[in-house]
Amino acid sequence: MKKSFTGFIAFLFLVTAFFAFHSDAPAQTKRVDKRAERAAKMGDDFFRKKDYRSAISKYAEAISLAPVYPYAHFWKGYAHYYLDEYDQSLSDLNTAFNQGHTPIEVYKVRWFVNLQKGNYDAALRDAQEGARLEPNNPDFQKGLAGAYFGKKEYQNALAAYRKVAAAEPNNGDVSYYIAESHFN
């Protein structure tokens, strides 16, 4: 009798310990998520004020609290883009994409970052994917045109620039690149 009572007490202790540890884990995760969200919101405030360096700092804090946080990675990459820090921007944008951030948002920024870095094939892929998802978005046509122009595929660049010109008839840069594509 004493042996079964001791076993029963041990069993209750183990069950109690299991539920105690099991219930603490989600509460701890929620606290980290809330702190990460607060840091990201502060980053958003800095971003809106165009204080990109402070925004990067807050997004980095959010990422340190929650490493799988595509939102923070995306906006951190976007802030780096505004500071012309293209390598870091590309790294954060790729991480955001790989963690499941909305692809169209990533494509809208990443094609330009790749274009600035001279990664014409990567810029072309992002612009093509973006144009597939939003065929009437002239920014993706600009991305296609810029990537083709950078790759010296002037016929393809010309076709894309013409689509941009139809959407933005008063854009002098487009007229210049149409002429430059014809020349080449």
N, C-alpha and C. Protein backbone atom coordinates (compact mmCIF):
# COMPACT_ATOMS: atom_id res chain seq x y z
N MET A 1 0.82 -1.19 0.00
CA MET A 1 0.00 0.00 0.00
C MET A 1 0.86 1.25 0.00
N LYS A 2 1.91 1.25 0.85
CA LYS A 2 2.78 2.40 0.95
C LYS A 2 3.52 2.62 -0.37
N LYS A 3 3.92 1.52 -1.03
CA LYS A 3 4.66 1.61 -2.28
C LYS A 3 3.77 2.20 -3.38
N SER A 4 2.51 1.79 -3.45
CA SER A 4 1.62 2.31 -4.48
C SER A 4 1.26 3.77 -4.19
N PHE A 5 1.16 4.14 -2.92
CA PHE A 5 0.87 5.53 -2.58
C PHE A 5 2.04 6.42 -2.96
N THR A 6 3.27 5.99 -2.74
CA THR A 6 4.46 6.74 -3.11
C THR A 6 4.54 6.87 -4.63
N GLY A 7 4.21 5.81 -5.34
CA GLY A 7 4.19 5.85 -6.81
C GLY A 7 3.15 6.82 -7.32
N PHE A 8 1.99 6.82 -6.66
CA PHE A 8 0.93 7.73 -7.07
C PHE A 8 1.35 9.18 -6.85
N ILE A 9 2.00 9.47 -5.73
CA ILE A 9 2.48 10.82 -5.43
C ILE A 9 3.54 11.22 -6.47
N ALA A 10 4.44 10.32 -6.80
CA ALA A 10 5.47 10.60 -7.81
C ALA A 10 4.83 10.88 -9.16
N PHE A 11 3.81 10.09 -9.50
CA PHE A 11 3.10 10.30 -10.76
C PHE A 11 2.45 11.70 -10.79
N LEU A 12 1.78 12.08 -9.70
CA LEU A 12 1.15 13.40 -9.62
C LEU A 12 2.20 14.51 -9.73
N PHE A 13 3.35 14.32 -9.09
CA PHE A 13 4.42 15.31 -9.16
C PHE A 13 4.90 15.48 -10.61
N LEU A 14 5.09 14.38 -11.32
CA LEU A 14 5.53 14.46 -12.71
C LEU A 14 4.50 15.15 -13.60
N VAL A 15 3.22 14.79 -13.41
CA VAL A 15 2.16 15.42 -14.20
C VAL A 15 2.09 16.91 -13.91
N THR A 16 2.19 17.28 -12.63
CA THR A 16 2.17 18.70 -12.26
C THR A 16 3.36 19.44 -12.86
N ALA A 17 4.53 18.84 -12.79
CA ALA A 17 5.73 19.47 -13.35
C ALA A 17 5.60 19.63 -14.86
N PHE A 18 5.07 18.61 -15.53
CA PHE A 18 4.90 18.68 -16.98
C PHE A 18 4.00 19.85 -17.36
N PHE A 19 2.84 19.97 -16.70
CA PHE A 19 1.91 21.06 -17.03
C PHE A 19 2.45 22.42 -16.62
N ALA A 20 3.23 22.46 -15.56
CA ALA A 20 3.81 23.74 -15.14
C ALA A 20 4.79 24.24 -16.20
N PHE A 21 5.68 23.37 -16.69
CA PHE A 21 6.63 23.77 -17.72
C PHE A 21 5.93 24.01 -19.05
N HIS A 22 4.94 23.21 -19.34
CA HIS A 22 4.21 23.33 -20.61
C HIS A 22 3.47 24.66 -20.68
N SER A 23 2.88 25.12 -19.59
CA SER A 23 2.12 26.37 -19.62
C SER A 23 3.02 27.59 -19.57
N ASP A 24 4.26 27.49 -19.05
CA ASP A 24 5.16 28.64 -19.01
C ASP A 24 5.71 28.97 -20.40
N ALA A 25 5.93 28.00 -21.22
CA ALA A 25 6.57 28.23 -22.52
C ALA A 25 5.79 29.18 -23.41
N PRO A 26 4.48 29.00 -23.61
CA PRO A 26 3.77 29.95 -24.46
C PRO A 26 3.73 31.36 -23.87
N ALA A 27 3.64 31.48 -22.56
CA ALA A 27 3.62 32.80 -21.96
C ALA A 27 4.94 33.52 -22.21
N GLN A 28 6.03 32.79 -22.13
CA GLN A 28 7.34 33.37 -22.37
C GLN A 28 7.46 33.79 -23.83
N THR A 29 6.97 32.98 -24.75
CA THR A 29 7.01 33.31 -26.17
C THR A 29 6.18 34.56 -26.44
N LYS A 30 5.00 34.66 -25.84
CA LYS A 30 4.16 35.83 -26.04
C LYS A 30 4.88 37.09 -25.59
N ARG A 31 5.57 37.03 -24.46
CA ARG A 31 6.29 38.20 -23.96
C ARG A 31 7.35 38.63 -24.96
N VAL A 32 8.08 37.70 -25.54
CA VAL A 32 9.09 38.03 -26.54
C VAL A 32 8.42 38.62 -27.77
N ASP A 33 7.32 38.03 -28.22
CA ASP A 33 6.61 38.54 -29.39
C ASP A 33 6.13 39.97 -29.15
N LYS A 34 5.59 40.23 -28.00
CA LYS A 34 5.09 41.57 -27.70
C LYS A 34 6.23 42.58 -27.68
N ARG A 35 7.35 42.21 -27.08
CA ARG A 35 8.50 43.12 -27.05
C ARG A 35 9.04 43.35 -28.46
N ALA A 36 9.07 42.29 -29.26
CA ALA A 36 9.53 42.43 -30.65
C ALA A 36 8.58 43.32 -31.44
N GLU A 37 7.29 43.13 -31.24
CA GLU A 37 6.30 43.97 -31.93
C GLU A 37 6.43 45.42 -31.51
N ARG A 38 6.66 45.66 -30.23
CA ARG A 38 6.84 47.03 -29.74
C ARG A 38 8.06 47.67 -30.39
N ALA A 39 9.15 46.93 -30.46
CA ALA A 39 10.37 47.45 -31.08
C ALA A 39 10.12 47.75 -32.56
N ALA A 40 9.42 46.86 -33.25
CA ALA A 40 9.13 47.08 -34.67
C ALA A 40 8.23 48.29 -34.87
N LYS A 41 7.26 48.48 -33.98
CA LYS A 41 6.39 49.67 -34.08
C LYS A 41 7.19 50.94 -33.88
N MET A 42 8.14 50.90 -32.98
CA MET A 42 9.01 52.06 -32.79
C MET A 42 9.85 52.28 -34.05
N GLY A 43 10.29 51.18 -34.65
CA GLY A 43 11.01 51.29 -35.92
C GLY A 43 10.15 51.91 -37.00
N ASP A 44 8.86 51.54 -37.02
CA ASP A 44 7.92 52.13 -37.99
C ASP A 44 7.81 53.64 -37.79
N ASP A 45 7.75 54.06 -36.53
CA ASP A 45 7.66 55.50 -36.25
C ASP A 45 8.90 56.23 -36.76
N PHE A 46 10.08 55.67 -36.53
CA PHE A 46 11.31 56.28 -37.03
C PHE A 46 11.33 56.28 -38.56
N PHE A 47 10.86 55.19 -39.16
CA PHE A 47 10.84 55.09 -40.62
C PHE A 47 9.96 56.19 -41.22
N ARG A 48 8.78 56.39 -40.62
CA ARG A 48 7.86 57.43 -41.11
C ARG A 48 8.50 58.82 -41.00
N LYS A 49 9.34 59.01 -39.99
CA LYS A 49 10.03 60.29 -39.79
C LYS A 49 11.29 60.39 -40.64
N LYS A 50 11.56 59.36 -41.43
CA LYS A 50 12.74 59.28 -42.30
C LYS A 50 14.04 59.24 -41.50
N ASP A 51 13.97 58.77 -40.27
CA ASP A 51 15.15 58.54 -39.44
C ASP A 51 15.51 57.06 -39.61
N TYR A 52 16.10 56.76 -40.76
CA TYR A 52 16.31 55.37 -41.14
C TYR A 52 17.33 54.66 -40.26
N ARG A 53 18.32 55.38 -39.76
CA ARG A 53 19.32 54.75 -38.90
C ARG A 53 18.67 54.27 -37.60
N SER A 54 17.82 55.10 -37.00
CA SER A 54 17.13 54.69 -35.77
C SER A 54 16.13 53.58 -36.06
N ALA A 55 15.48 53.65 -37.22
CA ALA A 55 14.54 52.59 -37.60
C ALA A 55 15.27 51.26 -37.70
N ILE A 56 16.44 51.27 -38.33
CA ILE A 56 17.23 50.04 -38.46
C ILE A 56 17.57 49.48 -37.10
N SER A 57 17.93 50.36 -36.18
CA SER A 57 18.27 49.92 -34.82
C SER A 57 17.08 49.23 -34.15
N LYS A 58 15.89 49.79 -34.30
CA LYS A 58 14.71 49.20 -33.67
C LYS A 58 14.31 47.89 -34.35
N TYR A 59 14.39 47.85 -35.67
CA TYR A 59 14.07 46.60 -36.36
C TYR A 59 15.09 45.52 -35.98
N ALA A 60 16.34 45.90 -35.83
CA ALA A 60 17.36 44.93 -35.41
C ALA A 60 17.05 44.41 -34.00
N GLU A 61 16.58 45.29 -33.14
CA GLU A 61 16.18 44.87 -31.79
C GLU A 61 15.03 43.88 -31.87
N ALA A 62 14.06 44.16 -32.72
CA ALA A 62 12.92 43.25 -32.87
C ALA A 62 13.38 41.90 -33.38
N ILE A 63 14.32 41.92 -34.32
CA ILE A 63 14.84 40.67 -34.89
C ILE A 63 15.63 39.89 -33.84
N SER A 64 16.35 40.60 -32.97
CA SER A 64 17.10 39.89 -31.93
C SER A 64 16.15 39.22 -30.93
N LEU A 65 14.97 39.80 -30.75
CA LEU A 65 13.98 39.21 -29.85
C LEU A 65 13.19 38.09 -30.52
N ALA A 66 13.01 38.21 -31.83
CA ALA A 66 12.25 37.22 -32.60
C ALA A 66 12.93 37.06 -33.96
N PRO A 67 13.91 36.16 -34.06
CA PRO A 67 14.68 36.02 -35.31
C PRO A 67 13.84 35.70 -36.54
N VAL A 68 12.74 35.00 -36.36
CA VAL A 68 11.85 34.72 -37.49
C VAL A 68 10.74 35.77 -37.43
N TYR A 69 11.03 36.91 -38.03
CA TYR A 69 10.12 38.05 -38.02
C TYR A 69 10.23 38.74 -39.38
N PRO A 70 9.56 38.20 -40.40
CA PRO A 70 9.72 38.71 -41.76
C PRO A 70 9.40 40.20 -41.89
N TYR A 71 8.41 40.66 -41.15
CA TYR A 71 8.04 42.08 -41.20
C TYR A 71 9.24 42.96 -40.84
N ALA A 72 9.90 42.65 -39.74
CA ALA A 72 11.03 43.46 -39.28
C ALA A 72 12.20 43.37 -40.27
N HIS A 73 12.43 42.18 -40.81
CA HIS A 73 13.50 42.04 -41.80
C HIS A 73 13.21 42.88 -43.04
N PHE A 74 11.96 42.86 -43.50
CA PHE A 74 11.60 43.64 -44.69
C PHE A 74 11.84 45.12 -44.47
N TRP A 75 11.31 45.66 -43.38
CA TRP A 75 11.42 47.09 -43.16
C TRP A 75 12.84 47.50 -42.82
N LYS A 76 13.59 46.62 -42.20
CA LYS A 76 15.01 46.91 -41.96
C LYS A 76 15.74 46.98 -43.31
N GLY A 77 15.42 46.05 -44.20
CA GLY A 77 16.02 46.08 -45.53
C GLY A 77 15.61 47.32 -46.30
N TYR A 78 14.37 47.72 -46.15
CA TYR A 78 13.88 48.92 -46.83
C TYR A 78 14.62 50.16 -46.32
N ALA A 79 14.84 50.25 -45.01
CA ALA A 79 15.57 51.38 -44.43
C ALA A 79 17.01 51.40 -44.93
N HIS A 80 17.64 50.24 -45.01
CA HIS A 80 19.00 50.18 -45.57
C HIS A 80 19.01 50.67 -47.02
N TYR A 81 17.97 50.35 -47.76
CA TYR A 81 17.85 50.79 -49.15
C TYR A 81 17.89 52.32 -49.23
N TYR A 82 17.14 52.99 -48.34
CA TYR A 82 17.12 54.45 -48.35
C TYR A 82 18.46 55.06 -47.97
N LEU A 83 19.29 54.31 -47.26
CA LEU A 83 20.62 54.79 -46.90
C LEU A 83 21.68 54.34 -47.91
N ASP A 84 21.24 53.77 -49.04
CA ASP A 84 22.14 53.28 -50.09
C ASP A 84 23.08 52.19 -49.59
N GLU A 85 22.65 51.44 -48.61
CA GLU A 85 23.41 50.30 -48.08
C GLU A 85 22.84 49.04 -48.71
N TYR A 86 23.17 48.85 -49.97
CA TYR A 86 22.49 47.85 -50.78
C TYR A 86 22.82 46.41 -50.38
N ASP A 87 24.04 46.15 -49.94
CA ASP A 87 24.36 44.77 -49.53
C ASP A 87 23.52 44.34 -48.34
N GLN A 88 23.45 45.21 -47.33
CA GLN A 88 22.66 44.88 -46.14
C GLN A 88 21.18 44.85 -46.48
N SER A 89 20.75 45.76 -47.35
CA SER A 89 19.35 45.79 -47.77
C SER A 89 18.97 44.47 -48.43
N LEU A 90 19.81 44.03 -49.33
CA LEU A 90 19.54 42.78 -50.05
C LEU A 90 19.50 41.60 -49.10
N SER A 91 20.40 41.57 -48.15
CA SER A 91 20.41 40.48 -47.16
C SER A 91 19.11 40.43 -46.37
N ASP A 92 18.66 41.59 -45.89
CA ASP A 92 17.42 41.62 -45.10
C ASP A 92 16.19 41.32 -45.96
N LEU A 93 16.17 41.84 -47.18
CA LEU A 93 15.04 41.57 -48.06
C LEU A 93 14.96 40.08 -48.41
N ASN A 94 16.11 39.46 -48.65
CA ASN A 94 16.13 38.02 -48.94
C ASN A 94 15.64 37.22 -47.73
N THR A 95 16.06 37.63 -46.54
CA THR A 95 15.61 36.94 -45.33
C THR A 95 14.10 37.09 -45.17
N ALA A 96 13.59 38.30 -45.38
CA ALA A 96 12.14 38.53 -45.28
C ALA A 96 11.39 37.64 -46.28
N PHE A 97 11.89 37.58 -47.49
CA PHE A 97 11.26 36.75 -48.52
C PHE A 97 11.27 35.28 -48.11
N ASN A 98 12.43 34.80 -47.65
CA ASN A 98 12.56 33.39 -47.25
C ASN A 98 11.72 33.06 -46.02
N GLN A 99 11.44 34.05 -45.19
CA GLN A 99 10.61 33.81 -44.01
C GLN A 99 9.12 33.99 -44.29
N GLY A 100 8.78 34.33 -45.54
CA GLY A 100 7.38 34.35 -45.92
C GLY A 100 6.73 35.72 -46.02
N HIS A 101 7.53 36.79 -46.06
CA HIS A 101 6.94 38.11 -46.25
C HIS A 101 6.26 38.16 -47.62
N THR A 102 5.27 39.01 -47.78
CA THR A 102 4.51 39.13 -49.02
C THR A 102 5.46 39.33 -50.19
N PRO A 103 5.49 38.39 -51.13
CA PRO A 103 6.47 38.47 -52.23
C PRO A 103 6.40 39.75 -53.04
N ILE A 104 5.20 40.24 -53.34
CA ILE A 104 5.08 41.42 -54.19
C ILE A 104 5.77 42.62 -53.54
N GLU A 105 5.68 42.75 -52.22
CA GLU A 105 6.35 43.85 -51.53
C GLU A 105 7.86 43.72 -51.64
N VAL A 106 8.35 42.51 -51.50
CA VAL A 106 9.80 42.28 -51.61
C VAL A 106 10.26 42.58 -53.03
N TYR A 107 9.52 42.10 -54.03
CA TYR A 107 9.90 42.35 -55.42
C TYR A 107 9.98 43.84 -55.72
N LYS A 108 9.05 44.63 -55.15
CA LYS A 108 9.01 46.07 -55.43
C LYS A 108 10.28 46.78 -55.00
N VAL A 109 10.94 46.31 -53.98
CA VAL A 109 12.17 46.94 -53.50
C VAL A 109 13.39 46.22 -54.04
N ARG A 110 13.34 44.90 -54.02
CA ARG A 110 14.54 44.12 -54.32
C ARG A 110 15.02 44.26 -55.76
N TRP A 111 14.08 44.43 -56.74
CA TRP A 111 14.54 44.57 -58.12
C TRP A 111 15.42 45.80 -58.25
N PHE A 112 15.03 46.89 -57.56
CA PHE A 112 15.81 48.11 -57.66
C PHE A 112 17.16 47.98 -56.98
N VAL A 113 17.19 47.34 -55.82
CA VAL A 113 18.46 47.13 -55.11
C VAL A 113 19.40 46.31 -55.99
N ASN A 114 18.88 45.24 -56.58
CA ASN A 114 19.71 44.43 -57.47
C ASN A 114 20.18 45.22 -58.68
N LEU A 115 19.33 46.06 -59.21
CA LEU A 115 19.72 46.90 -60.35
C LEU A 115 20.86 47.84 -59.95
N GLN A 116 20.75 48.45 -58.78
CA GLN A 116 21.80 49.35 -58.30
C GLN A 116 23.13 48.62 -58.11
N LYS A 117 23.06 47.38 -57.70
CA LYS A 117 24.28 46.59 -57.49
C LYS A 117 24.83 45.99 -58.78
N GLY A 118 24.09 46.13 -59.87
CA GLY A 118 24.54 45.55 -61.13
C GLY A 118 24.20 44.08 -61.26
N ASN A 119 23.34 43.57 -60.40
CA ASN A 119 22.87 42.18 -60.48
C ASN A 119 21.67 42.14 -61.43
N TYR A 120 21.95 42.26 -62.72
CA TYR A 120 20.87 42.42 -63.70
C TYR A 120 19.99 41.18 -63.81
N ASP A 121 20.57 40.02 -63.70
CA ASP A 121 19.75 38.80 -63.79
C ASP A 121 18.77 38.71 -62.61
N ALA A 122 19.26 39.02 -61.41
CA ALA A 122 18.39 38.98 -60.22
C ALA A 122 17.33 40.08 -60.31
N ALA A 123 17.71 41.26 -60.78
CA ALA A 123 16.74 42.35 -60.94
C ALA A 123 15.68 41.95 -61.96
N LEU A 124 16.11 41.30 -63.03
CA LEU A 124 15.17 40.87 -64.06
C LEU A 124 14.19 39.84 -63.52
N ARG A 125 14.69 38.88 -62.74
CA ARG A 125 13.80 37.86 -62.15
C ARG A 125 12.74 38.50 -61.25
N ASP A 126 13.17 39.42 -60.39
CA ASP A 126 12.22 40.07 -59.48
C ASP A 126 11.21 40.91 -60.26
N ALA A 127 11.68 41.65 -61.26
CA ALA A 127 10.78 42.49 -62.05
C ALA A 127 9.80 41.61 -62.84
N GLN A 128 10.27 40.49 -63.36
CA GLN A 128 9.38 39.58 -64.09
C GLN A 128 8.31 39.00 -63.18
N GLU A 129 8.72 38.56 -61.99
CA GLU A 129 7.75 38.01 -61.04
C GLU A 129 6.76 39.07 -60.61
N GLY A 130 7.25 40.27 -60.35
CA GLY A 130 6.35 41.36 -59.97
C GLY A 130 5.39 41.72 -61.09
N ALA A 131 5.90 41.77 -62.33
CA ALA A 131 5.05 42.09 -63.48
C ALA A 131 4.02 40.99 -63.72
N ARG A 132 4.39 39.76 -63.40
CA ARG A 132 3.43 38.66 -63.52
C ARG A 132 2.29 38.83 -62.52
N LEU A 133 2.62 39.28 -61.31
CA LEU A 133 1.61 39.46 -60.26
C LEU A 133 0.82 40.76 -60.42
N GLU A 134 1.49 41.81 -60.90
CA GLU A 134 0.84 43.11 -61.12
C GLU A 134 1.22 43.61 -62.51
N PRO A 135 0.57 43.11 -63.55
CA PRO A 135 0.97 43.42 -64.93
C PRO A 135 0.84 44.90 -65.30
N ASN A 136 0.00 45.65 -64.62
CA ASN A 136 -0.19 47.06 -64.96
C ASN A 136 0.65 48.01 -64.11
N ASN A 137 1.54 47.47 -63.30
CA ASN A 137 2.38 48.31 -62.44
C ASN A 137 3.57 48.80 -63.25
N PRO A 138 3.67 50.11 -63.52
CA PRO A 138 4.78 50.61 -64.34
C PRO A 138 6.15 50.46 -63.68
N ASP A 139 6.17 50.36 -62.35
CA ASP A 139 7.46 50.19 -61.68
C ASP A 139 8.12 48.88 -62.08
N PHE A 140 7.34 47.83 -62.24
CA PHE A 140 7.92 46.56 -62.67
C PHE A 140 8.38 46.64 -64.12
N GLN A 141 7.66 47.40 -64.93
CA GLN A 141 8.11 47.59 -66.31
C GLN A 141 9.44 48.37 -66.32
N LYS A 142 9.57 49.33 -65.42
CA LYS A 142 10.85 50.05 -65.30
C LYS A 142 11.95 49.09 -64.89
N GLY A 143 11.62 48.18 -63.99
CA GLY A 143 12.60 47.19 -63.57
C GLY A 143 13.03 46.30 -64.71
N LEU A 144 12.05 45.85 -65.50
CA LEU A 144 12.38 45.03 -66.67
C LEU A 144 13.26 45.82 -67.63
N ALA A 145 12.85 47.05 -67.92
CA ALA A 145 13.60 47.88 -68.86
C ALA A 145 15.02 48.12 -68.37
N GLY A 146 15.17 48.47 -67.10
CA GLY A 146 16.50 48.72 -66.55
C GLY A 146 17.38 47.49 -66.56
N ALA A 147 16.81 46.35 -66.23
CA ALA A 147 17.59 45.11 -66.22
C ALA A 147 18.00 44.72 -67.64
N TYR A 148 17.07 44.81 -68.58
CA TYR A 148 17.42 44.50 -69.96
C TYR A 148 18.47 45.47 -70.49
N PHE A 149 18.32 46.73 -70.16
CA PHE A 149 19.29 47.73 -70.61
C PHE A 149 20.66 47.41 -70.02
N GLY A 150 20.70 47.09 -68.74
CA GLY A 150 21.97 46.74 -68.10
C GLY A 150 22.61 45.50 -68.71
N LYS A 151 21.78 44.57 -69.15
CA LYS A 151 22.29 43.35 -69.79
C LYS A 151 22.60 43.57 -71.27
N LYS A 152 22.38 44.80 -71.74
CA LYS A 152 22.61 45.16 -73.15
C LYS A 152 21.68 44.42 -74.10
N GLU A 153 20.48 44.09 -73.62
CA GLU A 153 19.44 43.51 -74.45
C GLU A 153 18.49 44.65 -74.83
N TYR A 154 18.93 45.45 -75.78
CA TYR A 154 18.27 46.72 -76.06
C TYR A 154 16.88 46.58 -76.68
N GLN A 155 16.65 45.53 -77.46
CA GLN A 155 15.31 45.33 -78.03
C GLN A 155 14.28 45.08 -76.93
N ASN A 156 14.65 44.21 -75.98
CA ASN A 156 13.75 43.94 -74.85
C ASN A 156 13.58 45.19 -73.98
N ALA A 157 14.68 45.93 -73.78
CA ALA A 157 14.61 47.17 -73.00
C ALA A 157 13.67 48.16 -73.67
N LEU A 158 13.79 48.27 -74.98
CA LEU A 158 12.95 49.20 -75.74
C LEU A 158 11.46 48.87 -75.58
N ALA A 159 11.13 47.60 -75.67
CA ALA A 159 9.74 47.18 -75.51
C ALA A 159 9.22 47.53 -74.12
N ALA A 160 10.03 47.31 -73.11
CA ALA A 160 9.61 47.62 -71.74
C ALA A 160 9.51 49.13 -71.53
N TYR A 161 10.47 49.88 -72.05
CA TYR A 161 10.42 51.34 -71.91
C TYR A 161 9.19 51.93 -72.61
N ARG A 162 8.80 51.34 -73.70
CA ARG A 162 7.59 51.81 -74.40
C ARG A 162 6.34 51.62 -73.54
N LYS A 163 6.28 50.52 -72.80
CA LYS A 163 5.15 50.29 -71.89
C LYS A 163 5.15 51.33 -70.77
N VAL A 164 6.34 51.65 -70.28
CA VAL A 164 6.43 52.66 -69.23
C VAL A 164 6.02 54.02 -69.79
N ALA A 165 6.46 54.33 -71.01
CA ALA A 165 6.12 55.61 -71.63
C ALA A 165 4.62 55.76 -71.83
N ALA A 166 3.94 54.66 -72.13
CA ALA A 166 2.49 54.71 -72.28
C ALA A 166 1.82 55.03 -70.94
N ALA A 167 2.39 54.53 -69.85
CA ALA A 167 1.82 54.79 -68.53
C ALA A 167 2.26 56.14 -67.97
N GLU A 168 3.46 56.57 -68.34
CA GLU A 168 4.03 57.83 -67.84
C GLU A 168 4.56 58.66 -69.01
N PRO A 169 3.67 59.28 -69.78
CA PRO A 169 4.10 59.97 -71.00
C PRO A 169 5.01 61.17 -70.77
N ASN A 170 5.01 61.75 -69.59
CA ASN A 170 5.83 62.93 -69.31
C ASN A 170 7.14 62.61 -68.60
N ASN A 171 7.51 61.35 -68.55
CA ASN A 171 8.73 60.93 -67.87
C ASN A 171 9.91 61.09 -68.82
N GLY A 172 10.72 62.11 -68.59
CA GLY A 172 11.86 62.41 -69.45
C GLY A 172 12.93 61.33 -69.43
N ASP A 173 13.10 60.69 -68.30
CA ASP A 173 14.10 59.62 -68.22
C ASP A 173 13.75 58.48 -69.16
N VAL A 174 12.49 58.17 -69.24
CA VAL A 174 12.04 57.08 -70.12
C VAL A 174 12.32 57.45 -71.56
N SER A 175 12.04 58.70 -71.93
CA SER A 175 12.32 59.15 -73.31
C SER A 175 13.79 59.05 -73.62
N TYR A 176 14.62 59.41 -72.66
CA TYR A 176 16.08 59.31 -72.84
C TYR A 176 16.49 57.86 -73.09
N TYR A 177 15.99 56.95 -72.26
CA TYR A 177 16.39 55.54 -72.40
C TYR A 177 15.80 54.89 -73.65
N ILE A 178 14.66 55.37 -74.10
CA ILE A 178 14.13 54.88 -75.38
C ILE A 178 15.09 55.28 -76.49
N ALA A 179 15.53 56.53 -76.47
CA ALA A 179 16.48 57.02 -77.48
C ALA A 179 17.81 56.26 -77.38
N GLU A 180 18.27 56.04 -76.16
CA GLU A 180 19.54 55.33 -75.95
C GLU A 180 19.43 53.88 -76.42
N SER A 181 18.29 53.27 -76.19
CA SER A 181 18.07 51.89 -76.65
C SER A 181 18.06 51.84 -78.18
N HIS A 182 17.39 52.83 -78.80
CA HIS A 182 17.40 52.89 -80.27
C HIS A 182 18.82 53.05 -80.78
N PHE A 183 19.58 53.92 -80.15
CA PHE A 183 20.95 54.17 -80.57
C PHE A 183 21.80 52.90 -80.51
N ASN A 184 21.63 52.14 -79.44
CA ASN A 184 22.43 50.92 -79.27
C ASN A 184 21.90 49.80 -80.13
